[in-house]
Amino acid sequence: MKERAAAEIRSAIVRGDLEPGTAIKDVELAEKLGLSRTPVREALATLTDEGLVETKAHAYTRVTALEAEPVLDALTVVQSMHSLATGLVIERESLTADDIAAMRAANKAFKKALDANDAVAALAADDEFHAVAIRCCDNFAITATIDRYTPLIRRAEHSRFSSPNARHSVTQHQQIIEACEKGDSAQAARLVDENWSTLKEEL
């Protein structure tokens, strides 16, 4: 129940349904989600750790402001981990033909979502594209680091995928796939780094 509550509240924050600075009342959220207050409170604690919610005892619980500096800090770490994972997975020759096919399918779904102006679906497809290298890398530290800091950059990603500028990522994804097929770990890692840098430029 805690995970469900966290996922739904997080999604509302990322989409902008709960805007920066919005006061959050656990009683109202619990009623809206059809849950008791306990899992909602636990979910809010999780989102506080992620940097999406801020709380001051006996004063407020609210959605954090979307400030560039902490998002850039998190993005720098996430960007580095994705680039590292891609380089490692190619060096270890862990990518199979099925994995490459999965990347192609994810990029196709990504383009389709962008064409439909569906930022939520685009974000999900982009996640699936990058998740292939993370999954095949099988490095718990990389995975844990990405999981820890990705929530903080979600609002920026959603905003980017709502913009026509995001279409450049389709081509970048294709270039990453081609580098992976060639087994060029340095090139693939560099291209992944450049792909994430476009979000930094947006900020």
N, C-alpha and C. Protein backbone atom coordinates (compact mmCIF):
# COMPACT_ATOMS: atom_id res chain seq x y z
N MET A 1 0.81 -1.19 0.00
CA MET A 1 0.00 0.00 0.00
C MET A 1 0.86 1.26 0.00
N LYS A 2 1.96 1.20 0.74
CA LYS A 2 2.89 2.33 0.77
C LYS A 2 3.46 2.58 -0.62
N GLU A 3 3.87 1.50 -1.31
CA GLU A 3 4.46 1.64 -2.63
C GLU A 3 3.44 2.17 -3.63
N ARG A 4 2.21 1.70 -3.52
CA ARG A 4 1.16 2.18 -4.42
C ARG A 4 0.92 3.67 -4.20
N ALA A 5 0.83 4.07 -2.94
CA ALA A 5 0.60 5.48 -2.61
C ALA A 5 1.75 6.34 -3.12
N ALA A 6 2.99 5.88 -2.89
CA ALA A 6 4.16 6.64 -3.33
C ALA A 6 4.17 6.79 -4.85
N ALA A 7 3.83 5.71 -5.56
CA ALA A 7 3.82 5.74 -7.03
C ALA A 7 2.78 6.73 -7.55
N GLU A 8 1.60 6.74 -6.95
CA GLU A 8 0.53 7.62 -7.43
C GLU A 8 0.82 9.08 -7.10
N ILE A 9 1.33 9.33 -5.91
CA ILE A 9 1.65 10.72 -5.53
C ILE A 9 2.82 11.22 -6.37
N ARG A 10 3.83 10.37 -6.54
CA ARG A 10 5.00 10.74 -7.34
C ARG A 10 4.57 11.09 -8.76
N SER A 11 3.70 10.26 -9.34
CA SER A 11 3.22 10.50 -10.70
C SER A 11 2.48 11.82 -10.80
N ALA A 12 1.67 12.13 -9.79
CA ALA A 12 0.92 13.40 -9.80
C ALA A 12 1.87 14.59 -9.73
N ILE A 13 2.95 14.45 -8.98
CA ILE A 13 3.94 15.53 -8.87
C ILE A 13 4.68 15.69 -10.20
N VAL A 14 5.09 14.58 -10.80
CA VAL A 14 5.83 14.62 -12.06
C VAL A 14 4.99 15.23 -13.17
N ARG A 15 3.70 14.84 -13.25
CA ARG A 15 2.82 15.37 -14.29
C ARG A 15 2.46 16.83 -14.07
N GLY A 16 2.65 17.31 -12.83
CA GLY A 16 2.28 18.68 -12.54
C GLY A 16 0.88 18.82 -11.97
N ASP A 17 0.21 17.69 -11.72
CA ASP A 17 -1.12 17.75 -11.10
C ASP A 17 -0.99 18.32 -9.70
N LEU A 18 0.11 17.98 -9.03
CA LEU A 18 0.46 18.60 -7.75
C LEU A 18 1.63 19.52 -8.04
N GLU A 19 1.37 20.80 -8.11
CA GLU A 19 2.38 21.77 -8.53
C GLU A 19 3.36 22.09 -7.39
N PRO A 20 4.55 22.60 -7.75
CA PRO A 20 5.52 23.00 -6.72
C PRO A 20 4.89 23.96 -5.72
N GLY A 21 5.11 23.68 -4.43
CA GLY A 21 4.56 24.52 -3.39
C GLY A 21 3.18 24.12 -2.90
N THR A 22 2.56 23.15 -3.59
CA THR A 22 1.22 22.71 -3.19
C THR A 22 1.25 22.04 -1.82
N ALA A 23 0.36 22.48 -0.94
CA ALA A 23 0.26 21.86 0.38
C ALA A 23 -0.34 20.46 0.24
N ILE A 24 0.20 19.52 1.00
CA ILE A 24 -0.27 18.14 0.96
C ILE A 24 -0.84 17.77 2.32
N LYS A 25 -2.07 17.28 2.32
CA LYS A 25 -2.73 16.85 3.55
C LYS A 25 -2.96 15.35 3.46
N ASP A 26 -2.35 14.61 4.39
CA ASP A 26 -2.41 13.15 4.30
C ASP A 26 -3.84 12.63 4.40
N VAL A 27 -4.71 13.31 5.14
CA VAL A 27 -6.10 12.86 5.27
C VAL A 27 -6.80 12.92 3.92
N GLU A 28 -6.62 14.03 3.21
CA GLU A 28 -7.25 14.19 1.91
C GLU A 28 -6.68 13.22 0.89
N LEU A 29 -5.36 13.03 0.92
CA LEU A 29 -4.75 12.09 -0.01
C LEU A 29 -5.21 10.66 0.26
N ALA A 30 -5.28 10.29 1.52
CA ALA A 30 -5.72 8.94 1.88
C ALA A 30 -7.12 8.68 1.36
N GLU A 31 -7.99 9.68 1.51
CA GLU A 31 -9.38 9.54 1.04
C GLU A 31 -9.41 9.43 -0.47
N LYS A 32 -8.63 10.24 -1.15
CA LYS A 32 -8.60 10.22 -2.61
C LYS A 32 -8.06 8.91 -3.15
N LEU A 33 -7.06 8.34 -2.48
CA LEU A 33 -6.44 7.10 -2.93
C LEU A 33 -7.16 5.86 -2.42
N GLY A 34 -8.11 6.07 -1.51
CA GLY A 34 -8.83 4.93 -0.95
C GLY A 34 -7.97 4.11 -0.02
N LEU A 35 -7.08 4.79 0.70
CA LEU A 35 -6.17 4.10 1.62
C LEU A 35 -6.29 4.70 3.01
N SER A 36 -5.68 4.02 3.99
CA SER A 36 -5.62 4.58 5.33
C SER A 36 -4.51 5.62 5.37
N ARG A 37 -4.42 6.37 6.44
CA ARG A 37 -3.41 7.43 6.54
C ARG A 37 -2.00 6.88 6.69
N THR A 38 -1.87 5.68 7.28
CA THR A 38 -0.53 5.14 7.54
C THR A 38 0.30 4.95 6.28
N PRO A 39 -0.19 4.22 5.25
CA PRO A 39 0.64 4.07 4.05
C PRO A 39 0.88 5.39 3.33
N VAL A 40 -0.06 6.33 3.43
CA VAL A 40 0.13 7.63 2.80
C VAL A 40 1.24 8.40 3.51
N ARG A 41 1.25 8.36 4.83
CA ARG A 41 2.31 9.01 5.59
C ARG A 41 3.67 8.39 5.27
N GLU A 42 3.70 7.06 5.16
CA GLU A 42 4.95 6.36 4.84
C GLU A 42 5.41 6.73 3.43
N ALA A 43 4.44 6.87 2.51
CA ALA A 43 4.76 7.25 1.13
C ALA A 43 5.33 8.66 1.09
N LEU A 44 4.76 9.56 1.86
CA LEU A 44 5.25 10.94 1.90
C LEU A 44 6.67 11.00 2.47
N ALA A 45 6.97 10.11 3.41
CA ALA A 45 8.33 10.04 3.96
C ALA A 45 9.31 9.60 2.87
N THR A 46 8.89 8.64 2.04
CA THR A 46 9.72 8.18 0.92
C THR A 46 9.96 9.31 -0.06
N LEU A 47 8.89 10.04 -0.39
CA LEU A 47 9.00 11.13 -1.36
C LEU A 47 9.81 12.29 -0.80
N THR A 48 9.82 12.44 0.51
CA THR A 48 10.66 13.44 1.14
C THR A 48 12.13 13.07 0.96
N ASP A 49 12.44 11.78 1.14
CA ASP A 49 13.81 11.29 0.93
C ASP A 49 14.25 11.50 -0.52
N GLU A 50 13.28 11.40 -1.44
CA GLU A 50 13.58 11.55 -2.86
C GLU A 50 13.71 13.02 -3.27
N GLY A 51 13.29 13.93 -2.40
CA GLY A 51 13.41 15.35 -2.71
C GLY A 51 12.21 15.94 -3.41
N LEU A 52 11.11 15.19 -3.50
CA LEU A 52 9.91 15.69 -4.17
C LEU A 52 8.94 16.35 -3.20
N VAL A 53 9.08 16.04 -1.93
CA VAL A 53 8.21 16.60 -0.89
C VAL A 53 9.09 17.13 0.23
N GLU A 54 8.67 18.22 0.84
CA GLU A 54 9.39 18.76 1.99
C GLU A 54 8.41 18.94 3.15
N THR A 55 8.89 18.68 4.35
CA THR A 55 8.05 18.71 5.53
C THR A 55 8.73 19.47 6.67
N LYS A 56 7.94 20.25 7.37
CA LYS A 56 8.39 20.91 8.59
C LYS A 56 7.39 20.57 9.66
N ALA A 57 7.86 19.96 10.73
CA ALA A 57 6.98 19.48 11.80
C ALA A 57 6.04 20.58 12.29
N HIS A 58 4.75 20.21 12.38
CA HIS A 58 3.72 21.11 12.90
C HIS A 58 3.54 22.38 12.06
N ALA A 59 4.08 22.36 10.83
CA ALA A 59 3.95 23.55 9.98
C ALA A 59 3.39 23.21 8.59
N TYR A 60 4.10 22.36 7.84
CA TYR A 60 3.61 22.07 6.49
C TYR A 60 4.22 20.78 5.93
N THR A 61 3.52 20.25 4.96
CA THR A 61 4.03 19.21 4.07
C THR A 61 3.62 19.68 2.68
N ARG A 62 4.60 19.84 1.79
CA ARG A 62 4.28 20.41 0.49
C ARG A 62 5.21 19.87 -0.59
N VAL A 63 4.80 20.06 -1.82
CA VAL A 63 5.62 19.67 -2.96
C VAL A 63 6.80 20.65 -3.04
N THR A 64 8.00 20.12 -3.22
CA THR A 64 9.17 20.99 -3.28
C THR A 64 9.16 21.84 -4.54
N ALA A 65 9.81 22.98 -4.45
CA ALA A 65 9.98 23.83 -5.62
C ALA A 65 10.89 23.12 -6.62
N LEU A 66 10.68 23.38 -7.89
CA LEU A 66 11.52 22.79 -8.92
C LEU A 66 12.71 23.72 -9.14
N GLU A 67 13.78 23.49 -8.38
CA GLU A 67 14.96 24.33 -8.43
C GLU A 67 16.06 23.65 -9.25
N ALA A 68 16.76 24.44 -10.03
CA ALA A 68 17.73 23.89 -10.97
C ALA A 68 18.91 23.19 -10.28
N GLU A 69 19.43 23.78 -9.22
CA GLU A 69 20.68 23.26 -8.64
C GLU A 69 20.58 21.82 -8.13
N PRO A 70 19.59 21.48 -7.28
CA PRO A 70 19.52 20.08 -6.83
C PRO A 70 19.19 19.11 -7.96
N VAL A 71 18.39 19.58 -8.94
CA VAL A 71 18.07 18.72 -10.08
C VAL A 71 19.33 18.47 -10.91
N LEU A 72 20.11 19.50 -11.12
CA LEU A 72 21.37 19.34 -11.86
C LEU A 72 22.34 18.41 -11.14
N ASP A 73 22.39 18.53 -9.81
CA ASP A 73 23.25 17.64 -9.03
C ASP A 73 22.84 16.18 -9.24
N ALA A 74 21.53 15.93 -9.15
CA ALA A 74 21.03 14.56 -9.33
C ALA A 74 21.25 14.09 -10.76
N LEU A 75 21.01 14.97 -11.72
CA LEU A 75 21.18 14.61 -13.13
C LEU A 75 22.62 14.23 -13.44
N THR A 76 23.57 14.96 -12.88
CA THR A 76 24.98 14.66 -13.11
C THR A 76 25.32 13.24 -12.69
N VAL A 77 24.76 12.82 -11.56
CA VAL A 77 25.01 11.46 -11.06
C VAL A 77 24.31 10.43 -11.93
N VAL A 78 23.03 10.66 -12.24
CA VAL A 78 22.26 9.72 -13.05
C VAL A 78 22.89 9.57 -14.44
N GLN A 79 23.26 10.69 -15.02
CA GLN A 79 23.90 10.70 -16.34
C GLN A 79 25.17 9.85 -16.33
N SER A 80 26.00 10.03 -15.34
CA SER A 80 27.26 9.29 -15.24
C SER A 80 27.02 7.79 -15.08
N MET A 81 26.03 7.43 -14.29
CA MET A 81 25.74 6.01 -14.06
C MET A 81 25.22 5.33 -15.33
N HIS A 82 24.38 6.01 -16.08
CA HIS A 82 23.88 5.42 -17.33
C HIS A 82 25.00 5.25 -18.34
N SER A 83 25.86 6.25 -18.43
CA SER A 83 26.99 6.16 -19.36
C SER A 83 27.94 5.03 -18.95
N LEU A 84 28.22 4.94 -17.66
CA LEU A 84 29.10 3.88 -17.15
C LEU A 84 28.52 2.50 -17.42
N ALA A 85 27.22 2.34 -17.15
CA ALA A 85 26.57 1.04 -17.36
C ALA A 85 26.63 0.61 -18.82
N THR A 86 26.42 1.56 -19.72
CA THR A 86 26.45 1.24 -21.15
C THR A 86 27.84 0.80 -21.59
N GLY A 87 28.86 1.51 -21.13
CA GLY A 87 30.22 1.12 -21.47
C GLY A 87 30.58 -0.25 -20.92
N LEU A 88 30.20 -0.51 -19.69
CA LEU A 88 30.52 -1.79 -19.06
C LEU A 88 29.83 -2.96 -19.74
N VAL A 89 28.57 -2.77 -20.10
CA VAL A 89 27.81 -3.88 -20.66
C VAL A 89 28.36 -4.29 -22.03
N ILE A 90 28.89 -3.33 -22.76
CA ILE A 90 29.48 -3.65 -24.06
C ILE A 90 30.86 -4.30 -23.88
N GLU A 91 31.63 -3.78 -22.95
CA GLU A 91 32.94 -4.38 -22.67
C GLU A 91 32.81 -5.84 -22.24
N ARG A 92 31.75 -6.13 -21.50
CA ARG A 92 31.53 -7.50 -21.01
C ARG A 92 30.80 -8.36 -22.04
N GLU A 93 30.43 -7.75 -23.17
CA GLU A 93 29.70 -8.45 -24.23
C GLU A 93 28.43 -9.10 -23.69
N SER A 94 27.72 -8.33 -22.86
CA SER A 94 26.51 -8.85 -22.21
C SER A 94 25.24 -8.57 -23.00
N LEU A 95 25.31 -7.73 -24.02
CA LEU A 95 24.12 -7.40 -24.80
C LEU A 95 23.88 -8.47 -25.86
N THR A 96 22.68 -9.02 -25.89
CA THR A 96 22.32 -10.01 -26.90
C THR A 96 21.52 -9.35 -28.01
N ALA A 97 21.25 -10.13 -29.04
CA ALA A 97 20.42 -9.62 -30.15
C ALA A 97 19.04 -9.25 -29.64
N ASP A 98 18.53 -10.02 -28.70
CA ASP A 98 17.21 -9.71 -28.12
C ASP A 98 17.24 -8.38 -27.36
N ASP A 99 18.34 -8.10 -26.70
CA ASP A 99 18.48 -6.84 -25.97
C ASP A 99 18.49 -5.66 -26.94
N ILE A 100 19.21 -5.82 -28.04
CA ILE A 100 19.24 -4.76 -29.06
C ILE A 100 17.85 -4.56 -29.64
N ALA A 101 17.14 -5.66 -29.85
CA ALA A 101 15.77 -5.58 -30.38
C ALA A 101 14.86 -4.85 -29.39
N ALA A 102 15.08 -5.10 -28.11
CA ALA A 102 14.29 -4.42 -27.08
C ALA A 102 14.54 -2.92 -27.09
N MET A 103 15.79 -2.53 -27.32
CA MET A 103 16.12 -1.11 -27.41
C MET A 103 15.44 -0.47 -28.62
N ARG A 104 15.45 -1.18 -29.74
CA ARG A 104 14.79 -0.67 -30.94
C ARG A 104 13.28 -0.50 -30.71
N ALA A 105 12.69 -1.50 -30.08
CA ALA A 105 11.25 -1.45 -29.82
C ALA A 105 10.90 -0.29 -28.88
N ALA A 106 11.75 -0.09 -27.88
CA ALA A 106 11.51 1.00 -26.93
C ALA A 106 11.64 2.36 -27.63
N ASN A 107 12.61 2.48 -28.52
CA ASN A 107 12.79 3.75 -29.23
C ASN A 107 11.63 4.00 -30.19
N LYS A 108 11.11 2.93 -30.78
CA LYS A 108 9.95 3.07 -31.65
C LYS A 108 8.73 3.54 -30.85
N ALA A 109 8.55 2.97 -29.66
CA ALA A 109 7.45 3.38 -28.79
C ALA A 109 7.66 4.82 -28.31
N PHE A 110 8.91 5.18 -28.09
CA PHE A 110 9.25 6.53 -27.67
C PHE A 110 8.85 7.54 -28.74
N LYS A 111 9.20 7.27 -29.98
CA LYS A 111 8.85 8.16 -31.09
C LYS A 111 7.34 8.27 -31.26
N LYS A 112 6.67 7.14 -31.14
CA LYS A 112 5.22 7.13 -31.27
C LYS A 112 4.57 8.00 -30.19
N ALA A 113 5.09 7.90 -28.98
CA ALA A 113 4.55 8.70 -27.87
C ALA A 113 4.80 10.18 -28.08
N LEU A 114 5.99 10.53 -28.56
CA LEU A 114 6.30 11.94 -28.83
C LEU A 114 5.40 12.48 -29.94
N ASP A 115 5.19 11.67 -30.98
CA ASP A 115 4.33 12.09 -32.09
C ASP A 115 2.90 12.33 -31.62
N ALA A 116 2.51 11.60 -30.57
CA ALA A 116 1.16 11.74 -30.02
C ALA A 116 1.10 12.79 -28.90
N ASN A 117 2.25 13.45 -28.65
CA ASN A 117 2.34 14.44 -27.57
C ASN A 117 1.94 13.84 -26.22
N ASP A 118 2.34 12.57 -26.02
CA ASP A 118 2.04 11.86 -24.77
C ASP A 118 3.33 11.77 -23.96
N ALA A 119 3.55 12.78 -23.11
CA ALA A 119 4.80 12.85 -22.34
C ALA A 119 4.93 11.69 -21.36
N VAL A 120 3.83 11.23 -20.79
CA VAL A 120 3.89 10.13 -19.83
C VAL A 120 4.35 8.85 -20.51
N ALA A 121 3.78 8.56 -21.68
CA ALA A 121 4.18 7.36 -22.43
C ALA A 121 5.61 7.49 -22.95
N ALA A 122 5.99 8.71 -23.33
CA ALA A 122 7.36 8.94 -23.82
C ALA A 122 8.37 8.69 -22.70
N LEU A 123 8.04 9.13 -21.51
CA LEU A 123 8.93 8.93 -20.36
C LEU A 123 9.07 7.44 -20.06
N ALA A 124 7.95 6.71 -20.14
CA ALA A 124 7.99 5.26 -19.88
C ALA A 124 8.83 4.54 -20.93
N ALA A 125 8.68 4.94 -22.20
CA ALA A 125 9.44 4.30 -23.27
C ALA A 125 10.93 4.64 -23.17
N ASP A 126 11.23 5.88 -22.80
CA ASP A 126 12.63 6.28 -22.61
C ASP A 126 13.25 5.48 -21.47
N ASP A 127 12.48 5.28 -20.41
CA ASP A 127 12.96 4.45 -19.29
C ASP A 127 13.30 3.05 -19.76
N GLU A 128 12.41 2.49 -20.58
CA GLU A 128 12.62 1.12 -21.05
C GLU A 128 13.85 1.03 -21.94
N PHE A 129 14.07 2.05 -22.75
CA PHE A 129 15.25 2.07 -23.61
C PHE A 129 16.53 2.02 -22.77
N HIS A 130 16.63 2.91 -21.82
CA HIS A 130 17.85 2.99 -21.01
C HIS A 130 17.96 1.83 -20.01
N ALA A 131 16.82 1.23 -19.67
CA ALA A 131 16.82 0.14 -18.70
C ALA A 131 17.51 -1.12 -19.22
N VAL A 132 17.57 -1.26 -20.54
CA VAL A 132 18.20 -2.46 -21.12
C VAL A 132 19.66 -2.57 -20.68
N ALA A 133 20.40 -1.49 -20.83
CA ALA A 133 21.83 -1.51 -20.44
C ALA A 133 21.98 -1.68 -18.93
N ILE A 134 21.11 -1.02 -18.17
CA ILE A 134 21.17 -1.14 -16.71
C ILE A 134 20.92 -2.58 -16.28
N ARG A 135 19.91 -3.18 -16.87
CA ARG A 135 19.57 -4.56 -16.52
C ARG A 135 20.69 -5.53 -16.90
N CYS A 136 21.24 -5.36 -18.09
CA CYS A 136 22.29 -6.27 -18.57
C CYS A 136 23.61 -6.04 -17.85
N CYS A 137 23.82 -4.83 -17.37
CA CYS A 137 25.06 -4.53 -16.64
C CYS A 137 25.11 -5.31 -15.32
N ASP A 138 23.94 -5.45 -14.69
CA ASP A 138 23.80 -6.24 -13.47
C ASP A 138 24.78 -5.80 -12.38
N ASN A 139 24.79 -4.48 -12.14
CA ASN A 139 25.64 -3.91 -11.10
C ASN A 139 24.73 -3.26 -10.08
N PHE A 140 24.64 -3.83 -8.88
CA PHE A 140 23.67 -3.36 -7.90
C PHE A 140 23.93 -1.91 -7.48
N ALA A 141 25.20 -1.50 -7.44
CA ALA A 141 25.52 -0.14 -7.02
C ALA A 141 25.05 0.88 -8.04
N ILE A 142 25.23 0.58 -9.32
CA ILE A 142 24.75 1.47 -10.38
C ILE A 142 23.23 1.57 -10.33
N THR A 143 22.58 0.42 -10.22
CA THR A 143 21.12 0.39 -10.18
C THR A 143 20.57 1.16 -8.98
N ALA A 144 21.17 0.94 -7.82
CA ALA A 144 20.71 1.61 -6.60
C ALA A 144 20.90 3.13 -6.69
N THR A 145 22.00 3.55 -7.28
CA THR A 145 22.27 4.98 -7.41
C THR A 145 21.28 5.64 -8.35
N ILE A 146 21.00 4.98 -9.47
CA ILE A 146 20.02 5.51 -10.42
C ILE A 146 18.64 5.58 -9.79
N ASP A 147 18.25 4.51 -9.09
CA ASP A 147 16.94 4.49 -8.42
C ASP A 147 16.83 5.59 -7.37
N ARG A 148 17.93 5.88 -6.71
CA ARG A 148 17.91 6.88 -5.63
C ARG A 148 17.72 8.30 -6.15
N TYR A 149 18.37 8.63 -7.27
CA TYR A 149 18.39 10.02 -7.71
C TYR A 149 17.50 10.35 -8.91
N THR A 150 16.99 9.32 -9.58
CA THR A 150 16.12 9.58 -10.73
C THR A 150 14.84 10.33 -10.37
N PRO A 151 14.17 10.01 -9.24
CA PRO A 151 12.92 10.74 -8.94
C PRO A 151 13.07 12.26 -8.93
N LEU A 152 14.23 12.75 -8.55
CA LEU A 152 14.42 14.19 -8.45
C LEU A 152 14.46 14.86 -9.82
N ILE A 153 14.77 14.10 -10.87
CA ILE A 153 14.84 14.71 -12.21
C ILE A 153 13.59 14.44 -13.04
N ARG A 154 12.62 13.72 -12.45
CA ARG A 154 11.44 13.32 -13.22
C ARG A 154 10.63 14.49 -13.77
N ARG A 155 10.47 15.53 -12.96
CA ARG A 155 9.66 16.67 -13.44
C ARG A 155 10.33 17.34 -14.63
N ALA A 156 11.64 17.41 -14.60
CA ALA A 156 12.37 18.01 -15.72
C ALA A 156 12.24 17.13 -16.96
N GLU A 157 12.29 15.80 -16.78
CA GLU A 157 12.13 14.89 -17.91
C GLU A 157 10.74 15.02 -18.52
N HIS A 158 9.74 15.07 -17.67
CA HIS A 158 8.36 15.18 -18.15
C HIS A 158 8.19 16.48 -18.95
N SER A 159 8.78 17.55 -18.44
CA SER A 159 8.70 18.84 -19.13
C SER A 159 9.38 18.76 -20.50
N ARG A 160 10.54 18.11 -20.53
CA ARG A 160 11.28 17.99 -21.79
C ARG A 160 10.49 17.17 -22.81
N PHE A 161 9.90 16.07 -22.37
CA PHE A 161 9.18 15.22 -23.29
C PHE A 161 7.83 15.81 -23.72
N SER A 162 7.50 16.94 -23.14
CA SER A 162 6.32 17.69 -23.57
C SER A 162 6.71 18.72 -24.62
N SER A 163 8.01 18.80 -24.92
CA SER A 163 8.54 19.80 -25.84
C SER A 163 8.96 19.16 -27.16
N PRO A 164 8.82 19.89 -28.28
CA PRO A 164 9.25 19.38 -29.59
C PRO A 164 10.75 19.07 -29.63
N ASN A 165 11.53 19.71 -28.76
CA ASN A 165 12.98 19.49 -28.73
C ASN A 165 13.34 18.05 -28.40
N ALA A 166 12.43 17.33 -27.75
CA ALA A 166 12.71 15.96 -27.32
C ALA A 166 12.89 15.02 -28.50
N ARG A 167 12.43 15.41 -29.68
CA ARG A 167 12.51 14.52 -30.83
C ARG A 167 13.94 14.22 -31.25
N HIS A 168 14.88 15.06 -30.82
CA HIS A 168 16.29 14.78 -31.11
C HIS A 168 16.74 13.49 -30.42
N SER A 169 16.07 13.14 -29.33
CA SER A 169 16.46 11.94 -28.59
C SER A 169 16.21 10.67 -29.39
N VAL A 170 15.25 10.69 -30.29
CA VAL A 170 14.97 9.51 -31.11
C VAL A 170 16.21 9.17 -31.94
N THR A 171 16.79 10.18 -32.57
CA THR A 171 18.00 9.98 -33.37
C THR A 171 19.17 9.58 -32.49
N GLN A 172 19.29 10.21 -31.34
CA GLN A 172 20.38 9.86 -30.42
C GLN A 172 20.27 8.42 -29.96
N HIS A 173 19.05 7.99 -29.67
CA HIS A 173 18.84 6.59 -29.27
C HIS A 173 19.30 5.64 -30.39
N GLN A 174 18.97 5.99 -31.64
CA GLN A 174 19.35 5.14 -32.76
C GLN A 174 20.86 5.06 -32.88
N GLN A 175 21.54 6.17 -32.66
CA GLN A 175 23.01 6.18 -32.71
C GLN A 175 23.61 5.32 -31.59
N ILE A 176 22.98 5.34 -30.43
CA ILE A 176 23.43 4.50 -29.32
C ILE A 176 23.29 3.03 -29.68
N ILE A 177 22.16 2.69 -30.27
CA ILE A 177 21.91 1.31 -30.69
C ILE A 177 22.99 0.85 -31.68
N GLU A 178 23.30 1.70 -32.64
CA GLU A 178 24.30 1.35 -33.65
C GLU A 178 25.68 1.15 -33.02
N ALA A 179 26.03 1.98 -32.06
CA ALA A 179 27.32 1.83 -31.37
C ALA A 179 27.34 0.53 -30.57
N CYS A 180 26.22 0.18 -29.98
CA CYS A 180 26.13 -1.08 -29.22
C CYS A 180 26.30 -2.27 -30.15
N GLU A 181 25.68 -2.20 -31.32
CA GLU A 181 25.79 -3.29 -32.29
C GLU A 181 27.23 -3.47 -32.76
N LYS A 182 27.96 -2.37 -32.88
CA LYS A 182 29.36 -2.43 -33.32
C LYS A 182 30.29 -2.87 -32.20
N GLY A 183 29.77 -2.87 -30.96
CA GLY A 183 30.61 -3.24 -29.82
C GLY A 183 31.58 -2.15 -29.43
N ASP A 184 31.26 -0.90 -29.78
CA ASP A 184 32.14 0.24 -29.47
C ASP A 184 31.71 0.82 -28.13
N SER A 185 32.34 0.36 -27.06
CA SER A 185 31.92 0.76 -25.72
C SER A 185 32.15 2.25 -25.46
N ALA A 186 33.28 2.78 -25.92
CA ALA A 186 33.59 4.19 -25.69
C ALA A 186 32.60 5.09 -26.41
N GLN A 187 32.31 4.75 -27.65
CA GLN A 187 31.37 5.55 -28.42
C GLN A 187 29.96 5.48 -27.83
N ALA A 188 29.53 4.30 -27.47
CA ALA A 188 28.19 4.13 -26.90
C ALA A 188 28.05 4.90 -25.59
N ALA A 189 29.08 4.81 -24.73
CA ALA A 189 29.06 5.52 -23.45
C ALA A 189 29.02 7.03 -23.68
N ARG A 190 29.78 7.51 -24.66
CA ARG A 190 29.80 8.94 -24.97
C ARG A 190 28.44 9.41 -25.48
N LEU A 191 27.82 8.61 -26.32
CA LEU A 191 26.52 8.97 -26.88
C LEU A 191 25.43 8.99 -25.80
N VAL A 192 25.51 8.05 -24.87
CA VAL A 192 24.55 8.05 -23.76
C VAL A 192 24.74 9.30 -22.92
N ASP A 193 25.99 9.66 -22.68
CA ASP A 193 26.29 10.86 -21.91
C ASP A 193 25.73 12.10 -22.62
N GLU A 194 25.88 12.17 -23.94
CA GLU A 194 25.37 13.29 -24.71
C GLU A 194 23.84 13.33 -24.67
N ASN A 195 23.24 12.16 -24.72
CA ASN A 195 21.78 12.08 -24.68
C ASN A 195 21.22 12.67 -23.39
N TRP A 196 21.85 12.32 -22.27
CA TRP A 196 21.41 12.87 -20.99
C TRP A 196 21.77 14.35 -20.86
N SER A 197 22.80 14.80 -21.57
CA SER A 197 23.20 16.20 -21.52
C SER A 197 22.13 17.12 -22.10
N THR A 198 21.31 16.60 -23.00
CA THR A 198 20.25 17.42 -23.58
C THR A 198 19.25 17.86 -22.50
N LEU A 199 19.06 17.02 -21.49
CA LEU A 199 18.18 17.41 -20.38
C LEU A 199 18.83 18.51 -19.55
N LYS A 200 20.14 18.42 -19.42
CA LYS A 200 20.88 19.45 -18.68
C LYS A 200 20.76 20.80 -19.39
N GLU A 201 20.83 20.77 -20.73
CA GLU A 201 20.68 21.99 -21.50
C GLU A 201 19.28 22.58 -21.32
N GLU A 202 18.31 21.71 -21.22
CA GLU A 202 16.92 22.17 -21.00
C GLU A 202 16.81 22.93 -19.69
N LEU A 203 17.47 22.41 -18.65
CA LEU A 203 17.43 23.07 -17.34
C LEU A 203 18.14 24.42 -17.40
